[in-house]
Amino acid sequence: MNGAEAMVKCLAAEGISRIFGYPGVAISPFLDAVFQNASIEHILVRQEQAAGHAASGYARVTRRPAVCVSSSGPGATNLITALATAYADSIPLIAITGQVNSSLLGRDVFQEADMRGATESFVKYSYLVKNADDIPRVFKEAFYIADSGRKGPVLIDIPMDVQMQTLKKSFVYPDTISMRGYKPNVRGNSLQLSRVIAAIQKAKKPLVCAGGGVILGQGEPELRAFCEKYQIPLVHTMMGIGVLPKNHPLYFGMLGNNGKPYANRAVASSDLLIIVGARIADRAVPKPENLEQRVNIIHIDIDTAEIGKNLGPTIPLVGDVKTVFAALAEAPISLDTSAWLQELEEKKHSTVDLRRFSDKLVNPVKLVKTLSDKMEEDAIYVADVGQNQLWSADNYVMKRGRFLTSGGMGTMGYSIPAAIGAKFAAPERQVVAVCGDGSFQMSLYELGTIAVEKLPVKILIMKNRFLGLVREHQAKTYHSRYEAVELFDYPRYENIAAAYDMTYFHCDSNETLGDALDAFLTCETASLMVCEVDSENNTQ
């Protein structure tokens, strides 16, 4: 057995049946081993960054690590943005990159790139494999690191000669793993847990703020049971969309600059804020020092480094969301939050949202609400980055589906490849990618992957002929001196749809929106829909 064959056996042992990648000479031994193993399918994307984003969508839907593959040099460096995107949002990926022969490392030969150095700040850990006998251990450790503690991407860089090297030992894939120095705490310190229980017991106006870590830790049922038992309301960050459905009586919306004003008022009025699985960055709380002075804060996270990074906690608690909230649901807590819930309802109904959106062409708020309301119960909505993301996050109607986006890094071009990964992960579920005309053009090449794989993915484009969020910033900050933001009337979307055998839809009015969306969503083939949006619309 050579190294490449060992790599395939490792992936099979981890239950990997599909990988996303782009070929090159330095990864060819591995791809040849994949070709000879019928249990693993290689999905050819059209650019390496898309391989990482597709693996991200796949991992987020399956809730297991996914694999992306590239060759050396520019093929590997093209993966870096996808790895940074996954790292920011704690998505478990295994990135396998080919490398030049071991004897040539450090000589600046053709297509050599120091991937360990280049990705140091964007991965949980990285390996440069120098001996084929190390491959089983390295792969076992990589999957363990990626999927434990705070999840994230792990890089495995393998020189071509190591892929072809014959193993000297018999292949044995480890059953278990124990790494000295890496033992994530999942249970939560008992003393800190007691302090959390005491703080909740004393609170008159407790409020949960849920982030993406709740979903990554698969802790939605436990957190929901906790909120329902003690009648504690919940707000969330953008990455926490989906923790509670929108029609739940304890749901009070997304906080932050682009969230619901009444959610921000709820945070400001609470006397105990229970932050779980969120770092609470500037989008969520622009001035954390003001909140720290007024509100007691419990911060619960699996990653010690995230606690207090942006908002100083009164009580920190390191632990896994499922374990911690299962314990809290059994705690001897007695609360009466009826007056607090009534106050929040009054805040919701009395809060005036001063944001106004044009009804000229298609109103973006109406578009998102109507689209997500018409989507199937378990559909997957993949939002790109820009104004479309903020309108989507604020107005998405959560049912039993999923909302995916690039939160921490804000990577344009994420939605289409991530939707491809999501559709491969759940072929029976409806998948809709929503993007602007700017972000669409950053990954439109992946329509080739959709066409070849015959994936009935749906892509909706909010077309306003501008890079809308930058235009909005230039309007407010630079007195409407617009520079390098106008996209004009290109491309010709109907021609692009025809080029990739997609069904094309178009809508430019609120009156025809409902019928157009019905036709778009019921279409059984891959489809592209353009909705014309007034370029003067802002998010705030």
Foldseek 3Di string as FASTA:
>chain_A
DALLLLLVVLCVVVVAQEAEEAEDPLCVLNVVSVVVDNRHYYQYFDAQCLRLLLQQLQCLQVLAEHEYEFEAAPRLVSNQVSLQLQQLLQGQYEYEYGAAAPVCPPVPDPRHDDNCVVNVPRFPEEEEDDASQCSLVVSVVSRPQQQDQRHGYYYYYYYSVRRGHDHPDDDDRDPDDDDPPDDFAAQKDPVLLVVVQVVLQPWQQEEEEEALLCSSLVPLVLVVLLCVLAVHAYEYALNRPQSDFPPDLRYDWHAFPLADPLVPVSLQPTQEYEYEPDLCDCRRPVDQVVSQVRHAYEYEGRDPVSACPPHDHPGYIHHRNNNSSNVSSPDPHHHDRPVNSVVSVVSNVPDDDPADFDQQWNTLLCLLQLLLVPFDQAAEEEEAAALNSSSNSHRHRHGNYYYHYRDRVRDQLSFPSSQSSNCVSPVPHAYEYEYEPVSCVVRVSSLQSCLVVQRQHEYEYAYAQWSQRVQVVCVVPVVSPDDPTGNPPDDPVVVSCVVSVAAEFEGTGPVCSNVRSVCRNPDPGHHYYYGYGHSPRDSD
